[in-house]
PDB file of N, CA and C in Angstrom:
ATOM      1  N   MET A   1      -6.666 -10.320 -11.628  1.00  0.00           N
ATOM      2  CA  MET A   1      -5.959 -10.458 -10.362  1.00  0.00           C
ATOM      3  C   MET A   1      -6.688  -9.653  -9.278  1.00  0.00           C
ATOM      4  N   PRO A   2      -6.809 -10.214  -8.094  1.00  0.00           N
ATOM      5  CA  PRO A   2      -7.460  -9.471  -7.014  1.00  0.00           C
ATOM      6  C   PRO A   2      -6.569  -8.333  -6.516  1.00  0.00           C
ATOM      7  N   GLU A   3      -7.209  -7.272  -6.020  1.00  0.00           N
ATOM      8  CA  GLU A   3      -6.455  -6.174  -5.429  1.00  0.00           C
ATOM      9  C   GLU A   3      -6.004  -6.584  -4.035  1.00  0.00           C
ATOM     10  N   ARG A   4      -4.816  -6.097  -3.660  1.00  0.00           N
ATOM     11  CA  ARG A   4      -4.283  -6.352  -2.328  1.00  0.00           C
ATOM     12  C   ARG A   4      -3.847  -5.023  -1.729  1.00  0.00           C
ATOM     13  N   LEU A   5      -3.599  -5.016  -0.435  1.00  0.00           N
ATOM     14  CA  LEU A   5      -3.107  -3.814   0.236  1.00  0.00           C
ATOM     15  C   LEU A   5      -1.596  -3.909   0.417  1.00  0.00           C
ATOM     16  N   ARG A   6      -0.937  -2.752   0.314  1.00  0.00           N
ATOM     17  CA  ARG A   6       0.499  -2.655   0.583  1.00  0.00           C
ATOM     18  C   ARG A   6       0.758  -1.289   1.209  1.00  0.00           C
ATOM     19  N   PRO A   7       1.906  -1.125   1.862  1.00  0.00           N
ATOM     20  CA  PRO A   7       2.251   0.204   2.370  1.00  0.00           C
ATOM     21  C   PRO A   7       2.327   1.211   1.220  1.00  0.00           C
ATOM     22  N   ALA A   8       1.820   2.406   1.452  1.00  0.00           N
ATOM     23  CA  ALA A   8       1.831   3.448   0.420  1.00  0.00           C
ATOM     24  C   ALA A   8       3.257   3.764  -0.002  1.00  0.00           C
ATOM     25  N   ARG A   9       3.422   4.010  -1.288  1.00  0.00           N
ATOM     26  CA  ARG A   9       4.738   4.297  -1.847  1.00  0.00           C
ATOM     27  C   ARG A   9       4.832   5.778  -2.181  1.00  0.00           C
ATOM     28  N   MET A  10       5.870   6.403  -1.685  1.00  0.00           N
ATOM     29  CA  MET A  10       6.118   7.814  -1.930  1.00  0.00           C
ATOM     30  C   MET A  10       7.069   7.929  -3.117  1.00  0.00           C
ATOM     31  N   GLN A  11       6.647   8.658  -4.141  1.00  0.00           N
ATOM     32  CA  GLN A  11       7.518   8.861  -5.293  1.00  0.00           C
ATOM     33  C   GLN A  11       8.483   9.987  -4.982  1.00  0.00           C
ATOM     34  N   ILE A  12       9.744   9.659  -5.044  1.00  0.00           N
ATOM     35  CA  ILE A  12      10.805  10.630  -4.773  1.00  0.00           C
ATOM     36  C   ILE A  12      12.025  10.186  -5.566  1.00  0.00           C
ATOM     37  N   GLU A  13      12.702  11.127  -6.170  1.00  0.00           N
ATOM     38  CA  GLU A  13      13.872  10.790  -6.979  1.00  0.00           C
ATOM     39  C   GLU A  13      15.135  11.164  -6.239  1.00  0.00           C
ATOM     40  N   THR A  14      16.066  10.222  -6.215  1.00  0.00           N
ATOM     41  CA  THR A  14      17.379  10.481  -5.654  1.00  0.00           C
ATOM     42  C   THR A  14      18.335   9.414  -6.164  1.00  0.00           C
ATOM     43  N   THR A  15      19.597   9.633  -5.968  1.00  0.00           N
ATOM     44  CA  THR A  15      20.620   8.685  -6.379  1.00  0.00           C
ATOM     45  C   THR A  15      20.793   7.617  -5.308  1.00  0.00           C
ATOM     46  N   VAL A  16      21.000   6.399  -5.758  1.00  0.00           N
ATOM     47  CA  VAL A  16      21.216   5.274  -4.852  1.00  0.00           C
ATOM     48  C   VAL A  16      22.437   4.499  -5.346  1.00  0.00           C
ATOM     49  N   LEU A  17      23.278   4.088  -4.407  1.00  0.00           N
ATOM     50  CA  LEU A  17      24.354   3.161  -4.727  1.00  0.00           C
ATOM     51  C   LEU A  17      23.941   1.820  -4.148  1.00  0.00           C
ATOM     52  N   MET A  18      23.794   0.822  -5.008  1.00  0.00           N
ATOM     53  CA  MET A  18      23.434  -0.517  -4.548  1.00  0.00           C
ATOM     54  C   MET A  18      24.670  -1.403  -4.638  1.00  0.00           C
ATOM     55  N   SER A  19      24.946  -2.156  -3.551  1.00  0.00           N
ATOM     56  CA  SER A  19      26.160  -2.966  -3.476  1.00  0.00           C
ATOM     57  C   SER A  19      25.838  -4.377  -3.011  1.00  0.00           C
ATOM     58  N   HIS A  20      26.535  -5.340  -3.619  1.00  0.00           N
ATOM     59  CA  HIS A  20      26.411  -6.751  -3.256  1.00  0.00           C
ATOM     60  C   HIS A  20      27.784  -7.378  -3.439  1.00  0.00           C
ATOM     61  N   ARG A  21      28.394  -7.778  -2.342  1.00  0.00           N
ATOM     62  CA  ARG A  21      29.757  -8.312  -2.371  1.00  0.00           C
ATOM     63  C   ARG A  21      30.676  -7.303  -3.044  1.00  0.00           C
ATOM     64  N   SER A  22      31.353  -7.672  -4.128  1.00  0.00           N
ATOM     65  CA  SER A  22      32.271  -6.732  -4.787  1.00  0.00           C
ATOM     66  C   SER A  22      31.602  -5.969  -5.927  1.00  0.00           C
ATOM     67  N   GLU A  23      30.314  -6.185  -6.135  1.00  0.00           N
ATOM     68  CA  GLU A  23      29.576  -5.539  -7.228  1.00  0.00           C
ATOM     69  C   GLU A  23      28.835  -4.314  -6.700  1.00  0.00           C
ATOM     70  N   SER A  24      28.891  -3.223  -7.441  1.00  0.00           N
ATOM     71  CA  SER A  24      28.112  -2.038  -7.063  1.00  0.00           C
ATOM     72  C   SER A  24      27.632  -1.326  -8.321  1.00  0.00           C
ATOM     73  N   HIS A  25      26.469  -0.670  -8.178  1.00  0.00           N
ATOM     74  CA  HIS A  25      25.850   0.030  -9.297  1.00  0.00           C
ATOM     75  C   HIS A  25      25.215   1.316  -8.801  1.00  0.00           C
ATOM     76  N   PRO A  26      25.516   2.450  -9.433  1.00  0.00           N
ATOM     77  CA  PRO A  26      24.735   3.652  -9.154  1.00  0.00           C
ATOM     78  C   PRO A  26      23.416   3.550  -9.903  1.00  0.00           C
ATOM     79  N   THR A  27      22.344   3.996  -9.292  1.00  0.00           N
ATOM     80  CA  THR A  27      21.038   3.963  -9.925  1.00  0.00           C
ATOM     81  C   THR A  27      20.152   5.042  -9.327  1.00  0.00           C
ATOM     82  N   GLU A  28      18.861   4.986  -9.614  1.00  0.00           N
ATOM     83  CA  GLU A  28      17.926   6.000  -9.140  1.00  0.00           C
ATOM     84  C   GLU A  28      16.777   5.347  -8.381  1.00  0.00           C
ATOM     85  N   LEU A  29      16.324   6.023  -7.356  1.00  0.00           N
ATOM     86  CA  LEU A  29      15.160   5.595  -6.595  1.00  0.00           C
ATOM     87  C   LEU A  29      13.908   5.989  -7.368  1.00  0.00           C
ATOM     88  N   VAL A  30      12.975   5.054  -7.517  1.00  0.00           N
ATOM     89  CA  VAL A  30      11.693   5.329  -8.158  1.00  0.00           C
ATOM     90  C   VAL A  30      10.674   5.719  -7.100  1.00  0.00           C
ATOM     91  N   ASP A  31      10.544   4.866  -6.070  1.00  0.00           N
ATOM     92  CA  ASP A  31       9.668   5.179  -4.946  1.00  0.00           C
ATOM     93  C   ASP A  31      10.126   4.415  -3.716  1.00  0.00           C
ATOM     94  N   ILE A  32       9.570   4.802  -2.574  1.00  0.00           N
ATOM     95  CA  ILE A  32      10.010   4.247  -1.301  1.00  0.00           C
ATOM     96  C   ILE A  32       8.795   4.120  -0.394  1.00  0.00           C
ATOM     97  N   SER A  33       8.812   3.104   0.473  1.00  0.00           N
ATOM     98  CA  SER A  33       7.729   2.902   1.434  1.00  0.00           C
ATOM     99  C   SER A  33       8.326   2.495   2.777  1.00  0.00           C
ATOM    100  N   ALA A  34       7.461   2.196   3.718  1.00  0.00           N
ATOM    101  CA  ALA A  34       7.911   1.771   5.043  1.00  0.00           C
ATOM    102  C   ALA A  34       8.532   0.381   5.019  1.00  0.00           C
ATOM    103  N   THR A  35       8.296  -0.384   3.954  1.00  0.00           N
ATOM    104  CA  THR A  35       8.798  -1.756   3.913  1.00  0.00           C
ATOM    105  C   THR A  35       9.778  -2.043   2.784  1.00  0.00           C
ATOM    106  N   GLY A  36       9.938  -1.110   1.844  1.00  0.00           N
ATOM    107  CA  GLY A  36      10.833  -1.380   0.734  1.00  0.00           C
ATOM    108  C   GLY A  36      11.003  -0.216  -0.200  1.00  0.00           C
ATOM    109  N   ALA A  37      11.740  -0.452  -1.272  1.00  0.00           N
ATOM    110  CA  ALA A  37      12.037   0.595  -2.251  1.00  0.00           C
ATOM    111  C   ALA A  37      12.070  -0.006  -3.651  1.00  0.00           C
ATOM    112  N   MET A  38      11.722   0.813  -4.631  1.00  0.00           N
ATOM    113  CA  MET A  38      11.795   0.424  -6.037  1.00  0.00           C
ATOM    114  C   MET A  38      12.899   1.253  -6.674  1.00  0.00           C
ATOM    115  N   LEU A  39      13.851   0.579  -7.328  1.00  0.00           N
ATOM    116  CA  LEU A  39      14.972   1.247  -7.987  1.00  0.00           C
ATOM    117  C   LEU A  39      14.932   0.973  -9.480  1.00  0.00           C
ATOM    118  N   ARG A  40      15.492   1.909 -10.261  1.00  0.00           N
ATOM    119  CA  ARG A  40      15.682   1.670 -11.689  1.00  0.00           C
ATOM    120  C   ARG A  40      16.707   0.554 -11.829  1.00  0.00           C
ATOM    121  N   ARG A  41      16.449  -0.347 -12.741  1.00  0.00           N
ATOM    122  CA  ARG A  41      17.373  -1.462 -12.973  1.00  0.00           C
ATOM    123  C   ARG A  41      18.563  -0.954 -13.781  1.00  0.00           C
ATOM    124  N   PRO A  42      19.777  -1.022 -13.209  1.00  0.00           N
ATOM    125  CA  PRO A  42      20.956  -0.542 -13.943  1.00  0.00           C
ATOM    126  C   PRO A  42      21.275  -1.431 -15.143  1.00  0.00           C
ATOM    127  N   LEU A  43      21.823  -0.837 -16.184  1.00  0.00           N
ATOM    128  CA  LEU A  43      22.282  -1.608 -17.340  1.00  0.00           C
ATOM    129  C   LEU A  43      23.359  -2.584 -16.878  1.00  0.00           C
ATOM    130  N   GLY A  44      23.277  -3.798 -17.336  1.00  0.00           N
ATOM    131  CA  GLY A  44      24.291  -4.784 -16.987  1.00  0.00           C
ATOM    132  C   GLY A  44      24.076  -5.462 -15.647  1.00  0.00           C
ATOM    133  N   TRP A  45      23.031  -5.082 -14.924  1.00  0.00           N
ATOM    134  CA  TRP A  45      22.758  -5.703 -13.620  1.00  0.00           C
ATOM    135  C   TRP A  45      22.250  -7.121 -13.841  1.00  0.00           C
ATOM    136  N   SER A  46      22.764  -8.072 -13.062  1.00  0.00           N
ATOM    137  CA  SER A  46      22.362  -9.468 -13.255  1.00  0.00           C
ATOM    138  C   SER A  46      22.021 -10.141 -11.930  1.00  0.00           C
ATOM    139  N   GLY A  47      21.393  -9.415 -11.036  1.00  0.00           N
ATOM    140  CA  GLY A  47      21.016  -9.988  -9.748  1.00  0.00           C
ATOM    141  C   GLY A  47      19.812 -10.896  -9.878  1.00  0.00           C
ATOM    142  N   GLU A  48      19.387 -11.429  -8.728  1.00  0.00           N
ATOM    143  CA  GLU A  48      18.242 -12.335  -8.730  1.00  0.00           C
ATOM    144  C   GLU A  48      17.431 -12.172  -7.456  1.00  0.00           C
ATOM    145  N   VAL A  49      16.186 -12.604  -7.525  1.00  0.00           N
ATOM    146  CA  VAL A  49      15.289 -12.538  -6.376  1.00  0.00           C
ATOM    147  C   VAL A  49      15.929 -13.295  -5.210  1.00  0.00           C
ATOM    148  N   GLY A  50      15.847 -12.707  -4.032  1.00  0.00           N
ATOM    149  CA  GLY A  50      16.397 -13.315  -2.828  1.00  0.00           C
ATOM    150  C   GLY A  50      17.779 -12.818  -2.446  1.00  0.00           C
ATOM    151  N   GLN A  51      18.481 -12.143  -3.366  1.00  0.00           N
ATOM    152  CA  GLN A  51      19.809 -11.613  -3.036  1.00  0.00           C
ATOM    153  C   GLN A  51      19.693 -10.446  -2.060  1.00  0.00           C
ATOM    154  N   ARG A  52      20.654 -10.367  -1.155  1.00  0.00           N
ATOM    155  CA  ARG A  52      20.723  -9.273  -0.188  1.00  0.00           C
ATOM    156  C   ARG A  52      21.690  -8.212  -0.728  1.00  0.00           C
ATOM    157  N   TRP A  53      21.218  -6.962  -0.780  1.00  0.00           N
ATOM    158  CA  TRP A  53      22.007  -5.835  -1.258  1.00  0.00           C
ATOM    159  C   TRP A  53      22.039  -4.743  -0.188  1.00  0.00           C
ATOM    160  N   VAL A  54      23.079  -3.935  -0.205  1.00  0.00           N
ATOM    161  CA  VAL A  54      23.167  -2.743   0.637  1.00  0.00           C
ATOM    162  C   VAL A  54      22.763  -1.563  -0.242  1.00  0.00           C
ATOM    163  N   LEU A  55      21.836  -0.746   0.259  1.00  0.00           N
ATOM    164  CA  LEU A  55      21.389   0.442  -0.462  1.00  0.00           C
ATOM    165  C   LEU A  55      21.831   1.684   0.287  1.00  0.00           C
ATOM    166  N   ASP A  56      22.508   2.576  -0.406  1.00  0.00           N
ATOM    167  CA  ASP A  56      22.912   3.873   0.137  1.00  0.00           C
ATOM    168  C   ASP A  56      22.142   4.946  -0.609  1.00  0.00           C
ATOM    169  N   MET A  57      21.222   5.604   0.102  1.00  0.00           N
ATOM    170  CA  MET A  57      20.364   6.625  -0.497  1.00  0.00           C
ATOM    171  C   MET A  57      20.693   7.980   0.113  1.00  0.00           C
ATOM    172  N   ILE A  58      20.849   8.977  -0.736  1.00  0.00           N
ATOM    173  CA  ILE A  58      21.180  10.326  -0.281  1.00  0.00           C
ATOM    174  C   ILE A  58      20.021  11.248  -0.615  1.00  0.00           C
ATOM    175  N   PHE A  59      19.473  11.911   0.394  1.00  0.00           N
ATOM    176  CA  PHE A  59      18.359  12.846   0.230  1.00  0.00           C
ATOM    177  C   PHE A  59      18.829  14.228   0.657  1.00  0.00           C
ATOM    178  N   GLY A  60      18.918  15.154  -0.294  1.00  0.00           N
ATOM    179  CA  GLY A  60      19.368  16.500   0.040  1.00  0.00           C
ATOM    180  C   GLY A  60      20.807  16.496   0.506  1.00  0.00           C
ATOM    181  N   ASN A  61      21.149  17.511   1.302  1.00  0.00           N
ATOM    182  CA  ASN A  61      22.528  17.663   1.766  1.00  0.00           C
ATOM    183  C   ASN A  61      22.835  16.945   3.070  1.00  0.00           C
ATOM    184  N   ASN A  62      21.786  16.570   3.818  1.00  0.00           N
ATOM    185  CA  ASN A  62      22.086  16.071   5.161  1.00  0.00           C
ATOM    186  C   ASN A  62      21.367  14.776   5.558  1.00  0.00           C
ATOM    187  N   LEU A  63      20.788  14.050   4.619  1.00  0.00           N
ATOM    188  CA  LEU A  63      20.142  12.789   4.980  1.00  0.00           C
ATOM    189  C   LEU A  63      20.693  11.663   4.122  1.00  0.00           C
ATOM    190  N   HIS A  64      21.391  10.751   4.786  1.00  0.00           N
ATOM    191  CA  HIS A  64      21.973   9.579   4.144  1.00  0.00           C
ATOM    192  C   HIS A  64      21.389   8.357   4.844  1.00  0.00           C
ATOM    193  N   ILE A  65      20.653   7.540   4.097  1.00  0.00           N
ATOM    194  CA  ILE A  65      20.069   6.330   4.662  1.00  0.00           C
ATOM    195  C   ILE A  65      20.774   5.124   4.042  1.00  0.00           C
ATOM    196  N   HIS A  66      21.387   4.348   4.909  1.00  0.00           N
ATOM    197  CA  HIS A  66      22.165   3.165   4.542  1.00  0.00           C
ATOM    198  C   HIS A  66      21.457   1.975   5.173  1.00  0.00           C
ATOM    199  N   LEU A  67      20.999   1.013   4.345  1.00  0.00           N
ATOM    200  CA  LEU A  67      20.275  -0.136   4.894  1.00  0.00           C
ATOM    201  C   LEU A  67      20.492  -1.361   4.031  1.00  0.00           C
ATOM    202  N   GLU A  68      20.052  -2.510   4.538  1.00  0.00           N
ATOM    203  CA  GLU A  68      20.140  -3.753   3.800  1.00  0.00           C
ATOM    204  C   GLU A  68      18.749  -4.116   3.289  1.00  0.00           C
ATOM    205  N   ALA A  69      18.701  -4.666   2.069  1.00  0.00           N
ATOM    206  CA  ALA A  69      17.426  -5.030   1.470  1.00  0.00           C
ATOM    207  C   ALA A  69      17.599  -6.285   0.614  1.00  0.00           C
ATOM    208  N   VAL A  70      16.497  -6.994   0.434  1.00  0.00           N
ATOM    209  CA  VAL A  70      16.486  -8.218  -0.349  1.00  0.00           C
ATOM    210  C   VAL A  70      15.687  -7.971  -1.625  1.00  0.00           C
ATOM    211  N   VAL A  71      16.190  -8.473  -2.746  1.00  0.00           N
ATOM    212  CA  VAL A  71      15.476  -8.348  -4.017  1.00  0.00           C
ATOM    213  C   VAL A  71      14.176  -9.145  -3.918  1.00  0.00           C
ATOM    214  N   ALA A  72      13.046  -8.455  -4.097  1.00  0.00           N
ATOM    215  CA  ALA A  72      11.732  -9.096  -4.012  1.00  0.00           C
ATOM    216  C   ALA A  72      11.111  -9.305  -5.389  1.00  0.00           C
ATOM    217  N   ARG A  73      11.349  -8.359  -6.314  1.00  0.00           N
ATOM    218  CA  ARG A  73      10.768  -8.428  -7.653  1.00  0.00           C
ATOM    219  C   ARG A  73      11.737  -7.805  -8.653  1.00  0.00           C
ATOM    220  N   ILE A  74      11.710  -8.331  -9.858  1.00  0.00           N
ATOM    221  CA  ILE A  74      12.558  -7.798 -10.929  1.00  0.00           C
ATOM    222  C   ILE A  74      11.691  -7.658 -12.184  1.00  0.00           C
ATOM    223  N   SER A  75      11.792  -6.487 -12.826  1.00  0.00           N
ATOM    224  CA  SER A  75      11.157  -6.306 -14.132  1.00  0.00           C
ATOM    225  C   SER A  75      12.234  -5.839 -15.111  1.00  0.00           C
ATOM    226  N   ASP A  76      11.850  -5.601 -16.340  1.00  0.00           N
ATOM    227  CA  ASP A  76      12.822  -5.138 -17.335  1.00  0.00           C
ATOM    228  C   ASP A  76      13.436  -3.797 -16.960  1.00  0.00           C
ATOM    229  N   HIS A  77      12.673  -2.968 -16.219  1.00  0.00           N
ATOM    230  CA  HIS A  77      13.121  -1.608 -15.945  1.00  0.00           C
ATOM    231  C   HIS A  77      13.387  -1.311 -14.467  1.00  0.00           C
ATOM    232  N   ASP A  78      12.840  -2.120 -13.559  1.00  0.00           N
ATOM    233  CA  ASP A  78      12.918  -1.810 -12.129  1.00  0.00           C
ATOM    234  C   ASP A  78      13.295  -3.036 -11.304  1.00  0.00           C
ATOM    235  N   ILE A  79      13.748  -2.764 -10.070  1.00  0.00           N
ATOM    236  CA  ILE A  79      14.029  -3.801  -9.082  1.00  0.00           C
ATOM    237  C   ILE A  79      13.291  -3.413  -7.810  1.00  0.00           C
ATOM    238  N   GLY A  80      12.482  -4.308  -7.297  1.00  0.00           N
ATOM    239  CA  GLY A  80      11.773  -4.078  -6.046  1.00  0.00           C
ATOM    240  C   GLY A  80      12.520  -4.723  -4.896  1.00  0.00           C
ATOM    241  N   PHE A  81      12.788  -3.938  -3.856  1.00  0.00           N
ATOM    242  CA  PHE A  81      13.514  -4.422  -2.686  1.00  0.00           C
ATOM    243  C   PHE A  81      12.616  -4.391  -1.458  1.00  0.00           C
ATOM    244  N   SER A  82      12.810  -5.350  -0.586  1.00  0.00           N
ATOM    245  CA  SER A  82      12.172  -5.397   0.724  1.00  0.00           C
ATOM    246  C   SER A  82      13.271  -5.220   1.761  1.00  0.00           C
ATOM    247  N   TYR A  83      13.093  -4.282   2.695  1.00  0.00           N
ATOM    248  CA  TYR A  83      14.125  -4.052   3.702  1.00  0.00           C
ATOM    249  C   TYR A  83      14.346  -5.298   4.542  1.00  0.00           C
ATOM    250  N   SER A  84      15.605  -5.638   4.790  1.00  0.00           N
ATOM    251  CA  SER A  84      15.927  -6.762   5.663  1.00  0.00           C
ATOM    252  C   SER A  84      16.581  -6.289   6.953  1.00  0.00           C
ATOM    253  N   HIS A  85      17.252  -5.133   6.910  1.00  0.00           N
ATOM    254  CA  HIS A  85      17.847  -4.572   8.129  1.00  0.00           C
ATOM    255  C   HIS A  85      18.004  -3.059   7.981  1.00  0.00           C
ATOM    256  N   ILE A  86      17.348  -2.325   8.867  1.00  0.00           N
ATOM    257  CA  ILE A  86      17.495  -0.872   8.916  1.00  0.00           C
ATOM    258  C   ILE A  86      18.229  -0.569  10.219  1.00  0.00           C
ATOM    259  N   PRO A  87      19.449  -0.020  10.150  1.00  0.00           N
ATOM    260  CA  PRO A  87      20.165   0.292  11.384  1.00  0.00           C
ATOM    261  C   PRO A  87      19.313   1.192  12.290  1.00  0.00           C
ATOM    262  N   GLU A  88      19.460   0.994  13.579  1.00  0.00           N
ATOM    263  CA  GLU A  88      18.642   1.728  14.543  1.00  0.00           C
ATOM    264  C   GLU A  88      18.725   3.237  14.349  1.00  0.00           C
ATOM    265  N   ASP A  89      19.914   3.757  14.034  1.00  0.00           N
ATOM    266  CA  ASP A  89      20.070   5.207  13.885  1.00  0.00           C
ATOM    267  C   ASP A  89      19.477   5.739  12.568  1.00  0.00           C
ATOM    268  N   LYS A  90      19.030   4.850  11.661  1.00  0.00           N
ATOM    269  CA  LYS A  90      18.423   5.270  10.391  1.00  0.00           C
ATOM    270  C   LYS A  90      16.907   5.102  10.386  1.00  0.00           C
ATOM    271  N   GLN A  91      16.345   4.427  11.403  1.00  0.00           N
ATOM    272  CA  GLN A  91      14.906   4.174  11.424  1.00  0.00           C
ATOM    273  C   GLN A  91      14.092   5.461  11.535  1.00  0.00           C
ATOM    274  N   VAL A  92      14.401   6.305  12.501  1.00  0.00           N
ATOM    275  CA  VAL A  92      13.654   7.555  12.668  1.00  0.00           C
ATOM    276  C   VAL A  92      13.826   8.472  11.465  1.00  0.00           C
ATOM    277  N   PRO A  93      15.046   8.666  10.930  1.00  0.00           N
ATOM    278  CA  PRO A  93      15.155   9.495   9.724  1.00  0.00           C
ATOM    279  C   PRO A  93      14.331   8.957   8.548  1.00  0.00           C
ATOM    280  N   LEU A  94      14.266   7.628   8.388  1.00  0.00           N
ATOM    281  CA  LEU A  94      13.461   7.054   7.311  1.00  0.00           C
ATOM    282  C   LEU A  94      11.986   7.336   7.542  1.00  0.00           C
ATOM    283  N   TRP A  95      11.485   7.134   8.763  1.00  0.00           N
ATOM    284  CA  TRP A  95      10.067   7.394   9.052  1.00  0.00           C
ATOM    285  C   TRP A  95       9.755   8.877   8.890  1.00  0.00           C
ATOM    286  N   ASN A  96      10.684   9.749   9.288  1.00  0.00           N
ATOM    287  CA  ASN A  96      10.475  11.188   9.108  1.00  0.00           C
ATOM    288  C   ASN A  96      10.414  11.551   7.628  1.00  0.00           C
ATOM    289  N   LEU A  97      11.259  10.941   6.817  1.00  0.00           N
ATOM    290  CA  LEU A  97      11.245  11.178   5.376  1.00  0.00           C
ATOM    291  C   LEU A  97       9.894  10.761   4.789  1.00  0.00           C
ATOM    292  N   LEU A  98       9.402   9.601   5.207  1.00  0.00           N
ATOM    293  CA  LEU A  98       8.133   9.084   4.684  1.00  0.00           C
ATOM    294  C   LEU A  98       6.929   9.876   5.165  1.00  0.00           C
ATOM    295  N   GLY A  99       7.040  10.502   6.330  1.00  0.00           N
ATOM    296  CA  GLY A  99       5.925  11.282   6.864  1.00  0.00           C
ATOM    297  C   GLY A  99       4.668  10.432   6.947  1.00  0.00           C
ATOM    298  N   GLY A 100       3.549  10.936   6.449  1.00  0.00           N
ATOM    299  CA  GLY A 100       2.281  10.234   6.497  1.00  0.00           C
ATOM    300  C   GLY A 100       2.256   8.953   5.683  1.00  0.00           C
ATOM    301  N   TYR A 101       3.170   8.811   4.714  1.00  0.00           N
ATOM    302  CA  TYR A 101       3.213   7.593   3.908  1.00  0.00           C
ATOM    303  C   TYR A 101       3.552   6.371   4.757  1.00  0.00           C
ATOM    304  N   ALA A 102       4.210   6.566   5.888  1.00  0.00           N
ATOM    305  CA  ALA A 102       4.612   5.438   6.734  1.00  0.00           C
ATOM    306  C   ALA A 102       3.410   4.710   7.325  1.00  0.00           C
ATOM    307  N   ASP A 103       2.260   5.385   7.433  1.00  0.00           N
ATOM    308  CA  ASP A 103       1.090   4.801   8.094  1.00  0.00           C
ATOM    309  C   ASP A 103      -0.077   4.501   7.157  1.00  0.00           C
ATOM    310  N   ILE A 104       0.084   4.689   5.858  1.00  0.00           N
ATOM    311  CA  ILE A 104      -1.025   4.539   4.913  1.00  0.00           C
ATOM    312  C   ILE A 104      -0.862   3.246   4.113  1.00  0.00           C
ATOM    313  N   LEU A 105      -1.973   2.561   3.896  1.00  0.00           N
ATOM    314  CA  LEU A 105      -1.991   1.409   2.996  1.00  0.00           C
ATOM    315  C   LEU A 105      -2.701   1.814   1.717  1.00  0.00           C
ATOM    316  N   GLU A 106      -2.305   1.208   0.595  1.00  0.00           N
ATOM    317  CA  GLU A 106      -2.939   1.490  -0.686  1.00  0.00           C
ATOM    318  C   GLU A 106      -3.251   0.181  -1.392  1.00  0.00           C
ATOM    319  N   TYR A 107      -4.243   0.219  -2.282  1.00  0.00           N
ATOM    320  CA  TYR A 107      -4.590  -0.954  -3.080  1.00  0.00           C
ATOM    321  C   TYR A 107      -3.650  -1.035  -4.279  1.00  0.00           C
ATOM    322  N   TRP A 108      -3.326  -2.257  -4.684  1.00  0.00           N
ATOM    323  CA  TRP A 108      -2.507  -2.472  -5.871  1.00  0.00           C
ATOM    324  C   TRP A 108      -2.824  -3.818  -6.475  1.00  0.00           C
ATOM    325  N   LYS A 109      -2.547  -3.918  -7.768  1.00  0.00           N
ATOM    326  CA  LYS A 109      -2.679  -5.179  -8.493  1.00  0.00           C
ATOM    327  C   LYS A 109      -1.310  -5.534  -9.041  1.00  0.00           C
ATOM    328  N   GLU A 110      -0.884  -6.754  -8.835  1.00  0.00           N
ATOM    329  CA  GLU A 110       0.400  -7.193  -9.372  1.00  0.00           C
ATOM    330  C   GLU A 110       0.242  -7.523 -10.838  1.00  0.00           C
ATOM    331  N   GLY A 111       1.281  -7.159 -11.602  1.00  0.00           N
ATOM    332  CA  GLY A 111       1.261  -7.531 -13.014  1.00  0.00           C
ATOM    333  C   GLY A 111       0.910  -6.465 -13.924  1.00  0.00           C
TER     334      GLY A 111
END
C-alpha cells in the first residue's frame, strides 16, 4: 500500500462518552488529531461506518470538549471518527490541546 499523509495524531488517554440516539458507551481515547479521534471499541458496540455520534471528552479538571463525529473506520479494537461539527466555543480549546500537532502532517499506511 502506498504511504499517504494525514494530520498528526497526538496520543493522549482520557475518558470519552460516545452517544448516538438513545445509545451511549463510556470508552477511552486512543489518540486525537485536528480532523478526528480514535477510540477504544466498547464491548457490545454495534455501530457502523457513516453513523453520526456525539463525543464528550474530558481533559483534566477544566477542559470538556463536546463535538459531533462520524464513524470513518472500525477495527476489532478501535473506532476511527472524523469530526463533523465542532461547536465554535470548543474549536480554540481543541486547537490549544493539540498544540503543534494541529499543524503537522505524518505519513501512514492503511491496513
